[in-house]
Amino acid sequence: MAEFPEYELLAVKQKWGMLAFQAFPRPWKPGGDWTSAEYARLGTLADAFADRSETVCERCGDGGLLRESRRIHLVLCDRCETQVPEHGRI
Protein backbone atom coordinates (compact mmCIF):
# COMPACT_ATOMS: atom_id res chain seq x y z
CA MET A 1 0.00 0.00 0.00
CA ALA A 2 2.83 2.42 0.82
CA GLU A 3 4.46 2.14 -2.61
CA PHE A 4 1.38 1.38 -4.71
CA PRO A 5 -1.70 2.86 -2.98
CA GLU A 6 -3.92 2.19 -6.03
CA TYR A 7 -2.74 -1.37 -6.66
CA GLU A 8 -5.24 -3.73 -8.27
CA LEU A 9 -5.46 -7.07 -6.52
CA LEU A 10 -5.89 -9.94 -8.96
CA ALA A 11 -5.53 -13.03 -6.76
CA VAL A 12 -4.43 -14.17 -3.33
CA LYS A 13 -4.16 -17.87 -2.68
CA GLN A 14 -2.03 -20.58 -1.18
CA LYS A 15 0.07 -22.67 -3.54
CA TRP A 16 2.25 -25.52 -2.25
CA GLY A 17 2.08 -24.05 1.25
CA MET A 18 3.15 -20.54 0.21
CA LEU A 19 1.31 -17.29 -0.32
CA ALA A 20 0.66 -16.60 -3.99
CA PHE A 21 -0.20 -12.94 -4.60
CA GLN A 22 -0.87 -11.34 -7.98
CA ALA A 23 -1.52 -7.63 -8.52
CA PHE A 24 -0.99 -4.68 -10.82
CA PRO A 25 0.66 -1.44 -9.57
CA ARG A 26 -2.62 0.36 -10.36
CA PRO A 27 -5.86 -0.55 -12.16
CA TRP A 28 -5.25 -1.83 -15.66
CA LYS A 29 -6.14 0.29 -18.67
CA PRO A 30 -5.85 -0.67 -22.34
CA GLY A 31 -2.23 -0.18 -23.27
CA GLY A 32 -1.17 -0.27 -19.61
CA ASP A 33 -0.10 2.69 -17.55
CA TRP A 34 2.74 1.45 -15.38
CA THR A 35 6.39 1.02 -16.15
CA SER A 36 8.26 -2.25 -16.26
CA ALA A 37 10.27 -0.99 -13.26
CA GLU A 38 7.06 -0.49 -11.24
CA TYR A 39 5.80 -3.93 -12.17
CA ALA A 40 9.16 -5.48 -11.26
CA ARG A 41 9.16 -3.67 -7.89
CA LEU A 42 5.66 -4.95 -7.12
CA GLY A 43 6.84 -8.46 -8.01
CA THR A 44 9.80 -8.09 -5.66
CA LEU A 45 7.49 -7.05 -2.82
CA ALA A 46 5.09 -9.94 -3.49
CA ASP A 47 8.00 -12.41 -3.60
CA ALA A 48 9.30 -11.17 -0.24
CA PHE A 49 5.93 -11.83 1.39
CA ALA A 50 5.67 -15.23 -0.31
CA ASP A 51 9.09 -16.16 1.07
CA ARG A 52 8.08 -15.00 4.55
CA SER A 53 4.86 -17.02 4.37
CA GLU A 54 6.99 -20.19 4.47
CA THR A 55 7.83 -19.42 8.10
CA VAL A 56 4.48 -18.22 9.53
CA CYS A 57 1.85 -20.62 10.86
CA GLU A 58 -1.32 -20.31 8.78
CA ARG A 59 -3.49 -21.00 11.81
CA CYS A 60 -2.07 -18.83 14.62
CA GLY A 61 0.68 -16.64 13.13
CA ASP A 62 3.55 -18.07 15.20
CA GLY A 63 6.70 -19.41 13.58
CA GLY A 64 5.95 -22.42 11.43
CA LEU A 65 7.35 -24.98 9.03
CA LEU A 66 6.06 -26.43 5.79
CA ARG A 67 4.12 -29.63 6.59
CA GLU A 68 3.67 -32.08 3.74
CA SER A 69 1.94 -34.83 5.74
CA ARG A 70 -1.57 -33.98 4.48
CA ARG A 71 -3.29 -33.88 1.10
CA ILE A 72 -2.66 -30.12 1.13
CA HIS A 73 0.66 -28.54 2.08
CA LEU A 74 0.37 -26.21 5.07
CA VAL A 75 2.76 -24.05 7.08
CA LEU A 76 2.06 -24.81 10.75
CA CYS A 77 3.76 -24.47 14.11
CA ASP A 78 4.27 -27.62 16.21
CA ARG A 79 1.19 -26.91 18.35
CA CYS A 80 -1.15 -26.36 15.39
CA GLU A 81 0.33 -29.36 13.57
CA THR A 82 -1.28 -31.56 16.23
CA GLN A 83 -4.63 -29.74 16.02
CA VAL A 84 -5.25 -29.56 12.27
CA PRO A 85 -6.97 -32.73 11.02
CA GLU A 86 -5.76 -34.88 8.12
CA HIS A 87 -8.04 -33.16 5.57
CA GLY A 88 -6.19 -29.91 6.35
CA ARG A 89 -9.20 -27.66 6.95
CA ILE A 90 -8.08 -24.98 9.35
PDB file of N, CA and C in Angstrom:
ATOM      1  N   MET A   1       0.824  -1.195   0.000  1.00  0.00           N
ATOM      2  CA  MET A   1       0.000   0.000   0.000  1.00  0.00           C
ATOM      3  C   MET A   1       0.869   1.260   0.000  1.00  0.00           C
ATOM      4  N   ALA A   2       1.991   1.228   0.726  1.00  0.00           N
ATOM      5  CA  ALA A   2       2.832   2.422   0.816  1.00  0.00           C
ATOM      6  C   ALA A   2       3.401   2.812  -0.546  1.00  0.00           C
ATOM      7  N   GLU A   3       3.844   1.833  -1.316  1.00  0.00           N
ATOM      8  CA  GLU A   3       4.461   2.138  -2.611  1.00  0.00           C
ATOM      9  C   GLU A   3       3.449   2.205  -3.746  1.00  0.00           C
ATOM     10  N   PHE A   4       2.372   1.446  -3.640  1.00  0.00           N
ATOM     11  CA  PHE A   4       1.376   1.384  -4.711  1.00  0.00           C
ATOM     12  C   PHE A   4      -0.034   1.502  -4.110  1.00  0.00           C
ATOM     13  N   PRO A   5      -0.429   2.705  -3.678  1.00  0.00           N
ATOM     14  CA  PRO A   5      -1.704   2.862  -2.982  1.00  0.00           C
ATOM     15  C   PRO A   5      -2.927   2.515  -3.837  1.00  0.00           C
ATOM     16  N   GLU A   6      -2.788   2.509  -5.151  1.00  0.00           N
ATOM     17  CA  GLU A   6      -3.918   2.190  -6.026  1.00  0.00           C
ATOM     18  C   GLU A   6      -3.794   0.798  -6.640  1.00  0.00           C
ATOM     19  N   TYR A   7      -2.977  -0.071  -6.035  1.00  0.00           N
ATOM     20  CA  TYR A   7      -2.742  -1.367  -6.661  1.00  0.00           C
ATOM     21  C   TYR A   7      -4.057  -2.110  -6.899  1.00  0.00           C
ATOM     22  N   GLU A   8      -4.070  -2.924  -7.935  1.00  0.00           N
ATOM     23  CA  GLU A   8      -5.242  -3.729  -8.270  1.00  0.00           C
ATOM     24  C   GLU A   8      -4.934  -5.175  -7.923  1.00  0.00           C
ATOM     25  N   LEU A   9      -5.647  -5.698  -6.963  1.00  0.00           N
ATOM     26  CA  LEU A   9      -5.458  -7.074  -6.518  1.00  0.00           C
ATOM     27  C   LEU A   9      -6.121  -8.015  -7.509  1.00  0.00           C
ATOM     28  N   LEU A  10      -5.370  -8.973  -8.010  1.00  0.00           N
ATOM     29  CA  LEU A  10      -5.895  -9.944  -8.959  1.00  0.00           C
ATOM     30  C   LEU A  10      -6.211 -11.274  -8.284  1.00  0.00           C
ATOM     31  N   ALA A  11      -5.318 -11.734  -7.416  1.00  0.00           N
ATOM     32  CA  ALA A  11      -5.529 -13.026  -6.761  1.00  0.00           C
ATOM     33  C   ALA A  11      -4.645 -13.155  -5.531  1.00  0.00           C
ATOM     34  N   VAL A  12      -5.191 -13.778  -4.513  1.00  0.00           N
ATOM     35  CA  VAL A  12      -4.431 -14.167  -3.333  1.00  0.00           C
ATOM     36  C   VAL A  12      -4.840 -15.599  -3.040  1.00  0.00           C
ATOM     37  N   LYS A  13      -3.849 -16.477  -2.961  1.00  0.00           N
ATOM     38  CA  LYS A  13      -4.156 -17.871  -2.685  1.00  0.00           C
ATOM     39  C   LYS A  13      -2.941 -18.540  -2.071  1.00  0.00           C
ATOM     40  N   GLN A  14      -3.124 -19.775  -1.686  1.00  0.00           N
ATOM     41  CA  GLN A  14      -2.030 -20.584  -1.177  1.00  0.00           C
ATOM     42  C   GLN A  14      -1.665 -21.590  -2.269  1.00  0.00           C
ATOM     43  N   LYS A  15      -0.388 -21.712  -2.541  1.00  0.00           N
ATOM     44  CA  LYS A  15       0.072 -22.674  -3.539  1.00  0.00           C
ATOM     45  C   LYS A  15       1.294 -23.387  -2.984  1.00  0.00           C
ATOM     46  N   TRP A  16       1.177 -24.694  -2.804  1.00  0.00           N
ATOM     47  CA  TRP A  16       2.248 -25.515  -2.254  1.00  0.00           C
ATOM     48  C   TRP A  16       2.713 -24.999  -0.891  1.00  0.00           C
ATOM     49  N   GLY A  17       1.768 -24.502  -0.089  1.00  0.00           N
ATOM     50  CA  GLY A  17       2.081 -24.052   1.249  1.00  0.00           C
ATOM     51  C   GLY A  17       2.593 -22.627   1.336  1.00  0.00           C
ATOM     52  N   MET A  18       2.652 -21.928   0.217  1.00  0.00           N
ATOM     53  CA  MET A  18       3.151 -20.545   0.212  1.00  0.00           C
ATOM     54  C   MET A  18       2.061 -19.589  -0.257  1.00  0.00           C
ATOM     55  N   LEU A  19       2.189 -18.341   0.154  1.00  0.00           N
ATOM     56  CA  LEU A  19       1.306 -17.290  -0.319  1.00  0.00           C
ATOM     57  C   LEU A  19       1.585 -17.033  -1.793  1.00  0.00           C
ATOM     58  N   ALA A  20       0.547 -16.979  -2.586  1.00  0.00           N
ATOM     59  CA  ALA A  20       0.659 -16.597  -3.993  1.00  0.00           C
ATOM     60  C   ALA A  20      -0.193 -15.336  -4.164  1.00  0.00           C
ATOM     61  N   PHE A  21       0.430 -14.253  -4.566  1.00  0.00           N
ATOM     62  CA  PHE A  21      -0.200 -12.938  -4.602  1.00  0.00           C
ATOM     63  C   PHE A  21       0.053 -12.344  -5.976  1.00  0.00           C
ATOM     64  N   GLN A  22      -1.021 -11.943  -6.665  1.00  0.00           N
ATOM     65  CA  GLN A  22      -0.870 -11.338  -7.984  1.00  0.00           C
ATOM     66  C   GLN A  22      -1.595  -9.997  -7.998  1.00  0.00           C
ATOM     67  N   ALA A  23      -0.931  -8.976  -8.497  1.00  0.00           N
ATOM     68  CA  ALA A  23      -1.519  -7.633  -8.519  1.00  0.00           C
ATOM     69  C   ALA A  23      -0.875  -6.796  -9.616  1.00  0.00           C
ATOM     70  N   PHE A  24      -1.536  -5.703  -9.937  1.00  0.00           N
ATOM     71  CA  PHE A  24      -0.988  -4.679 -10.817  1.00  0.00           C
ATOM     72  C   PHE A  24      -0.655  -3.461  -9.960  1.00  0.00           C
ATOM     73  N   PRO A  25       0.320  -2.641 -10.343  1.00  0.00           N
ATOM     74  CA  PRO A  25       0.661  -1.439  -9.575  1.00  0.00           C
ATOM     75  C   PRO A  25      -0.510  -0.460  -9.430  1.00  0.00           C
ATOM     76  N   ARG A  26      -1.395  -0.459 -10.403  1.00  0.00           N
ATOM     77  CA  ARG A  26      -2.619   0.363 -10.356  1.00  0.00           C
ATOM     78  C   ARG A  26      -3.617  -0.283 -11.304  1.00  0.00           C
ATOM     79  N   PRO A  27      -4.885   0.099 -11.280  1.00  0.00           N
ATOM     80  CA  PRO A  27      -5.864  -0.551 -12.160  1.00  0.00           C
ATOM     81  C   PRO A  27      -5.412  -0.549 -13.623  1.00  0.00           C
ATOM     82  N   TRP A  28      -5.668  -1.654 -14.273  1.00  0.00           N
ATOM     83  CA  TRP A  28      -5.253  -1.832 -15.665  1.00  0.00           C
ATOM     84  C   TRP A  28      -6.111  -0.996 -16.593  1.00  0.00           C
ATOM     85  N   LYS A  29      -5.459  -0.436 -17.605  1.00  0.00           N
ATOM     86  CA  LYS A  29      -6.136   0.292 -18.672  1.00  0.00           C
ATOM     87  C   LYS A  29      -5.595  -0.239 -19.986  1.00  0.00           C
ATOM     88  N   PRO A  30      -6.374  -0.216 -21.044  1.00  0.00           N
ATOM     89  CA  PRO A  30      -5.846  -0.666 -22.335  1.00  0.00           C
ATOM     90  C   PRO A  30      -4.526   0.034 -22.653  1.00  0.00           C
ATOM     91  N   GLY A  31      -3.542  -0.732 -22.988  1.00  0.00           N
ATOM     92  CA  GLY A  31      -2.225  -0.178 -23.266  1.00  0.00           C
ATOM     93  C   GLY A  31      -1.337  -0.099 -22.033  1.00  0.00           C
ATOM     94  N   GLY A  32      -1.926  -0.298 -20.860  1.00  0.00           N
ATOM     95  CA  GLY A  32      -1.166  -0.267 -19.606  1.00  0.00           C
ATOM     96  C   GLY A  32      -0.756   1.142 -19.237  1.00  0.00           C
ATOM     97  N   ASP A  33      -0.535   1.358 -17.970  1.00  0.00           N
ATOM     98  CA  ASP A  33      -0.102   2.686 -17.554  1.00  0.00           C
ATOM     99  C   ASP A  33       0.885   2.611 -16.395  1.00  0.00           C
ATOM    100  N   TRP A  34       1.664   1.542 -16.362  1.00  0.00           N
ATOM    101  CA  TRP A  34       2.737   1.450 -15.376  1.00  0.00           C
ATOM    102  C   TRP A  34       4.009   1.032 -16.099  1.00  0.00           C
ATOM    103  N   THR A  35       5.108   1.333 -15.515  1.00  0.00           N
ATOM    104  CA  THR A  35       6.387   1.024 -16.145  1.00  0.00           C
ATOM    105  C   THR A  35       6.813  -0.403 -15.800  1.00  0.00           C
ATOM    106  N   SER A  36       7.736  -0.916 -16.560  1.00  0.00           N
ATOM    107  CA  SER A  36       8.256  -2.252 -16.256  1.00  0.00           C
ATOM    108  C   SER A  36       8.986  -2.245 -14.910  1.00  0.00           C
ATOM    109  N   ALA A  37       9.594  -1.102 -14.552  1.00  0.00           N
ATOM    110  CA  ALA A  37      10.268  -0.990 -13.255  1.00  0.00           C
ATOM    111  C   ALA A  37       9.255  -1.060 -12.107  1.00  0.00           C
ATOM    112  N   GLU A  38       8.098  -0.413 -12.273  1.00  0.00           N
ATOM    113  CA  GLU A  38       7.059  -0.487 -11.242  1.00  0.00           C
ATOM    114  C   GLU A  38       6.543  -1.917 -11.087  1.00  0.00           C
ATOM    115  N   TYR A  39       6.303  -2.559 -12.207  1.00  0.00           N
ATOM    116  CA  TYR A  39       5.796  -3.934 -12.175  1.00  0.00           C
ATOM    117  C   TYR A  39       6.828  -4.866 -11.541  1.00  0.00           C
ATOM    118  N   ALA A  40       8.095  -4.666 -11.857  1.00  0.00           N
ATOM    119  CA  ALA A  40       9.158  -5.482 -11.257  1.00  0.00           C
ATOM    120  C   ALA A  40       9.247  -5.236  -9.755  1.00  0.00           C
ATOM    121  N   ARG A  41       9.111  -3.994  -9.321  1.00  0.00           N
ATOM    122  CA  ARG A  41       9.157  -3.674  -7.888  1.00  0.00           C
ATOM    123  C   ARG A  41       7.995  -4.331  -7.156  1.00  0.00           C
ATOM    124  N   LEU A  42       6.810  -4.304  -7.733  1.00  0.00           N
ATOM    125  CA  LEU A  42       5.657  -4.955  -7.119  1.00  0.00           C
ATOM    126  C   LEU A  42       5.896  -6.460  -7.024  1.00  0.00           C
ATOM    127  N   GLY A  43       6.500  -7.040  -8.047  1.00  0.00           N
ATOM    128  CA  GLY A  43       6.841  -8.464  -8.008  1.00  0.00           C
ATOM    129  C   GLY A  43       7.849  -8.781  -6.916  1.00  0.00           C
ATOM    130  N   THR A  44       8.810  -7.910  -6.727  1.00  0.00           N
ATOM    131  CA  THR A  44       9.802  -8.093  -5.660  1.00  0.00           C
ATOM    132  C   THR A  44       9.136  -8.066  -4.290  1.00  0.00           C
ATOM    133  N   LEU A  45       8.214  -7.127  -4.088  1.00  0.00           N
ATOM    134  CA  LEU A  45       7.488  -7.047  -2.817  1.00  0.00           C
ATOM    135  C   LEU A  45       6.644  -8.302  -2.588  1.00  0.00           C
ATOM    136  N   ALA A  46       5.930  -8.742  -3.613  1.00  0.00           N
ATOM    137  CA  ALA A  46       5.094  -9.941  -3.490  1.00  0.00           C
ATOM    138  C   ALA A  46       5.959 -11.167  -3.190  1.00  0.00           C
ATOM    139  N   ASP A  47       7.103 -11.279  -3.840  1.00  0.00           N
ATOM    140  CA  ASP A  47       8.004 -12.413  -3.600  1.00  0.00           C
ATOM    141  C   ASP A  47       8.522 -12.425  -2.167  1.00  0.00           C
ATOM    142  N   ALA A  48       8.807 -11.247  -1.622  1.00  0.00           N
ATOM    143  CA  ALA A  48       9.296 -11.175  -0.238  1.00  0.00           C
ATOM    144  C   ALA A  48       8.247 -11.689   0.736  1.00  0.00           C
ATOM    145  N   PHE A  49       6.980 -11.343   0.508  1.00  0.00           N
ATOM    146  CA  PHE A  49       5.926 -11.833   1.391  1.00  0.00           C
ATOM    147  C   PHE A  49       5.675 -13.321   1.178  1.00  0.00           C
ATOM    148  N   ALA A  50       5.807 -13.797  -0.050  1.00  0.00           N
ATOM    149  CA  ALA A  50       5.666 -15.229  -0.306  1.00  0.00           C
ATOM    150  C   ALA A  50       6.760 -16.003   0.419  1.00  0.00           C
ATOM    151  N   ASP A  51       7.983 -15.509   0.358  1.00  0.00           N
ATOM    152  CA  ASP A  51       9.091 -16.163   1.074  1.00  0.00           C
ATOM    153  C   ASP A  51       8.833 -16.183   2.579  1.00  0.00           C
ATOM    154  N   ARG A  52       8.354 -15.070   3.110  1.00  0.00           N
ATOM    155  CA  ARG A  52       8.078 -15.001   4.547  1.00  0.00           C
ATOM    156  C   ARG A  52       6.956 -15.948   4.948  1.00  0.00           C
ATOM    157  N   SER A  53       5.998 -16.159   4.050  1.00  0.00           N
ATOM    158  CA  SER A  53       4.860 -17.024   4.373  1.00  0.00           C
ATOM    159  C   SER A  53       5.290 -18.461   4.647  1.00  0.00           C
ATOM    160  N   GLU A  54       6.480 -18.839   4.210  1.00  0.00           N
ATOM    161  CA  GLU A  54       6.987 -20.193   4.469  1.00  0.00           C
ATOM    162  C   GLU A  54       7.384 -20.399   5.921  1.00  0.00           C
ATOM    163  N   THR A  55       7.379 -19.325   6.716  1.00  0.00           N
ATOM    164  CA  THR A  55       7.832 -19.417   8.102  1.00  0.00           C
ATOM    165  C   THR A  55       6.782 -18.972   9.116  1.00  0.00           C
ATOM    166  N   VAL A  56       5.549 -18.709   8.648  1.00  0.00           N
ATOM    167  CA  VAL A  56       4.484 -18.224   9.534  1.00  0.00           C
ATOM    168  C   VAL A  56       3.331 -19.215   9.537  1.00  0.00           C
ATOM    169  N   CYS A  57       2.955 -19.666  10.718  1.00  0.00           N
ATOM    170  CA  CYS A  57       1.851 -20.621  10.858  1.00  0.00           C
ATOM    171  C   CYS A  57       0.564 -20.022  10.291  1.00  0.00           C
ATOM    172  N   GLU A  58      -0.092 -20.774   9.412  1.00  0.00           N
ATOM    173  CA  GLU A  58      -1.323 -20.306   8.783  1.00  0.00           C
ATOM    174  C   GLU A  58      -2.489 -20.235   9.754  1.00  0.00           C
ATOM    175  N   ARG A  59      -2.379 -20.928  10.850  1.00  0.00           N
ATOM    176  CA  ARG A  59      -3.487 -20.996  11.805  1.00  0.00           C
ATOM    177  C   ARG A  59      -3.381 -19.939  12.898  1.00  0.00           C
ATOM    178  N   CYS A  60      -2.186 -19.729  13.465  1.00  0.00           N
ATOM    179  CA  CYS A  60      -2.075 -18.834  14.619  1.00  0.00           C
ATOM    180  C   CYS A  60      -1.097 -17.683  14.420  1.00  0.00           C
ATOM    181  N   GLY A  61      -0.262 -17.722  13.388  1.00  0.00           N
ATOM    182  CA  GLY A  61       0.676 -16.638  13.132  1.00  0.00           C
ATOM    183  C   GLY A  61       2.035 -16.776  13.793  1.00  0.00           C
ATOM    184  N   ASP A  62       2.225 -17.820  14.607  1.00  0.00           N
ATOM    185  CA  ASP A  62       3.550 -18.070  15.199  1.00  0.00           C
ATOM    186  C   ASP A  62       4.497 -18.595  14.128  1.00  0.00           C
ATOM    187  N   GLY A  63       5.736 -18.825  14.508  1.00  0.00           N
ATOM    188  CA  GLY A  63       6.697 -19.406  13.579  1.00  0.00           C
ATOM    189  C   GLY A  63       6.258 -20.802  13.176  1.00  0.00           C
ATOM    190  N   GLY A  64       6.391 -21.122  11.915  1.00  0.00           N
ATOM    191  CA  GLY A  64       5.954 -22.424  11.428  1.00  0.00           C
ATOM    192  C   GLY A  64       6.886 -23.018  10.407  1.00  0.00           C
ATOM    193  N   LEU A  65       6.589 -24.240  10.037  1.00  0.00           N
ATOM    194  CA  LEU A  65       7.349 -24.984   9.033  1.00  0.00           C
ATOM    195  C   LEU A  65       6.389 -25.569   8.013  1.00  0.00           C
ATOM    196  N   LEU A  66       6.874 -25.787   6.808  1.00  0.00           N
ATOM    197  CA  LEU A  66       6.065 -26.432   5.788  1.00  0.00           C
ATOM    198  C   LEU A  66       5.799 -27.871   6.202  1.00  0.00           C
ATOM    199  N   ARG A  67       4.522 -28.259   6.227  1.00  0.00           N
ATOM    200  CA  ARG A  67       4.115 -29.626   6.594  1.00  0.00           C
ATOM    201  C   ARG A  67       3.522 -30.277   5.348  1.00  0.00           C
ATOM    202  N   GLU A  68       4.110 -31.380   4.950  1.00  0.00           N
ATOM    203  CA  GLU A  68       3.668 -32.082   3.742  1.00  0.00           C
ATOM    204  C   GLU A  68       3.009 -33.417   4.068  1.00  0.00           C
ATOM    205  N   SER A  69       2.508 -33.564   5.289  1.00  0.00           N
ATOM    206  CA  SER A  69       1.941 -34.828   5.737  1.00  0.00           C
ATOM    207  C   SER A  69       0.448 -34.961   5.438  1.00  0.00           C
ATOM    208  N   ARG A  70      -0.148 -33.962   4.806  1.00  0.00           N
ATOM    209  CA  ARG A  70      -1.571 -33.979   4.476  1.00  0.00           C
ATOM    210  C   ARG A  70      -1.762 -33.919   2.965  1.00  0.00           C
ATOM    211  N   ARG A  71      -3.000 -34.018   2.536  1.00  0.00           N
ATOM    212  CA  ARG A  71      -3.291 -33.878   1.104  1.00  0.00           C
ATOM    213  C   ARG A  71      -2.941 -32.487   0.601  1.00  0.00           C
ATOM    214  N   ILE A  72      -2.996 -31.496   1.478  1.00  0.00           N
ATOM    215  CA  ILE A  72      -2.656 -30.115   1.129  1.00  0.00           C
ATOM    216  C   ILE A  72      -1.461 -29.684   1.965  1.00  0.00           C
ATOM    217  N   HIS A  73      -0.510 -29.034   1.344  1.00  0.00           N
ATOM    218  CA  HIS A  73       0.663 -28.539   2.080  1.00  0.00           C
ATOM    219  C   HIS A  73       0.259 -27.328   2.901  1.00  0.00           C
ATOM    220  N   LEU A  74       0.669 -27.309   4.159  1.00  0.00           N
ATOM    221  CA  LEU A  74       0.365 -26.206   5.069  1.00  0.00           C
ATOM    222  C   LEU A  74       1.622 -25.797   5.814  1.00  0.00           C
ATOM    223  N   VAL A  75       1.700 -24.522   6.195  1.00  0.00           N
ATOM    224  CA  VAL A  75       2.763 -24.051   7.083  1.00  0.00           C
ATOM    225  C   VAL A  75       2.122 -23.940   8.469  1.00  0.00           C
ATOM    226  N   LEU A  76       2.628 -24.747   9.405  1.00  0.00           N
ATOM    227  CA  LEU A  76       2.059 -24.806  10.749  1.00  0.00           C
ATOM    228  C   LEU A  76       3.165 -24.841  11.791  1.00  0.00           C
ATOM    229  N   CYS A  77       2.859 -24.316  12.980  1.00  0.00           N
ATOM    230  CA  CYS A  77       3.763 -24.471  14.111  1.00  0.00           C
ATOM    231  C   CYS A  77       3.548 -25.868  14.696  1.00  0.00           C
ATOM    232  N   ASP A  78       4.392 -26.284  15.618  1.00  0.00           N
ATOM    233  CA  ASP A  78       4.275 -27.622  16.206  1.00  0.00           C
ATOM    234  C   ASP A  78       2.933 -27.814  16.903  1.00  0.00           C
ATOM    235  N   ARG A  79       2.461 -26.792  17.619  1.00  0.00           N
ATOM    236  CA  ARG A  79       1.193 -26.906  18.347  1.00  0.00           C
ATOM    237  C   ARG A  79       0.021 -27.091  17.375  1.00  0.00           C
ATOM    238  N   CYS A  80      -0.050 -26.270  16.345  1.00  0.00           N
ATOM    239  CA  CYS A  80      -1.154 -26.358  15.389  1.00  0.00           C
ATOM    240  C   CYS A  80      -1.063 -27.622  14.541  1.00  0.00           C
ATOM    241  N   GLU A  81       0.147 -28.113  14.319  1.00  0.00           N
ATOM    242  CA  GLU A  81       0.327 -29.359  13.568  1.00  0.00           C
ATOM    243  C   GLU A  81      -0.475 -30.479  14.212  1.00  0.00           C
ATOM    244  N   THR A  82      -0.548 -30.502  15.529  1.00  0.00           N
ATOM    245  CA  THR A  82      -1.280 -31.563  16.229  1.00  0.00           C
ATOM    246  C   THR A  82      -2.783 -31.308  16.252  1.00  0.00           C
ATOM    247  N   GLN A  83      -3.221 -30.085  15.938  1.00  0.00           N
ATOM    248  CA  GLN A  83      -4.631 -29.738  16.020  1.00  0.00           C
ATOM    249  C   GLN A  83      -5.355 -29.720  14.684  1.00  0.00           C
ATOM    250  N   VAL A  84      -4.627 -29.614  13.593  1.00  0.00           N
ATOM    251  CA  VAL A  84      -5.252 -29.560  12.271  1.00  0.00           C
ATOM    252  C   VAL A  84      -5.455 -30.979  11.773  1.00  0.00           C
ATOM    253  N   PRO A  85      -6.696 -31.349  11.433  1.00  0.00           N
ATOM    254  CA  PRO A  85      -6.966 -32.731  11.020  1.00  0.00           C
ATOM    255  C   PRO A  85      -6.335 -33.085   9.665  1.00  0.00           C
ATOM    256  N   GLU A  86      -6.382 -34.338   9.335  1.00  0.00           N
ATOM    257  CA  GLU A  86      -5.757 -34.880   8.116  1.00  0.00           C
ATOM    258  C   GLU A  86      -6.233 -34.167   6.845  1.00  0.00           C
ATOM    259  N   HIS A  87      -7.526 -33.811   6.782  1.00  0.00           N
ATOM    260  CA  HIS A  87      -8.038 -33.158   5.570  1.00  0.00           C
ATOM    261  C   HIS A  87      -7.486 -31.753   5.401  1.00  0.00           C
ATOM    262  N   GLY A  88      -6.879 -31.191   6.450  1.00  0.00           N
ATOM    263  CA  GLY A  88      -6.193 -29.912   6.347  1.00  0.00           C
ATOM    264  C   GLY A  88      -7.048 -28.687   6.510  1.00  0.00           C
ATOM    265  N   ARG A  89      -8.344 -28.833   6.756  1.00  0.00           N
ATOM    266  CA  ARG A  89      -9.196 -27.656   6.949  1.00  0.00           C
ATOM    267  C   ARG A  89      -8.840 -26.978   8.257  1.00  0.00           C
ATOM    268  N   ILE A  90      -8.506 -25.719   8.164  1.00  0.00           N
ATOM    269  CA  ILE A  90      -8.084 -24.981   9.349  1.00  0.00           C
ATOM    270  C   ILE A  90      -9.288 -24.367  10.046  1.00  0.00           C
TER     271      ILE A  90
END
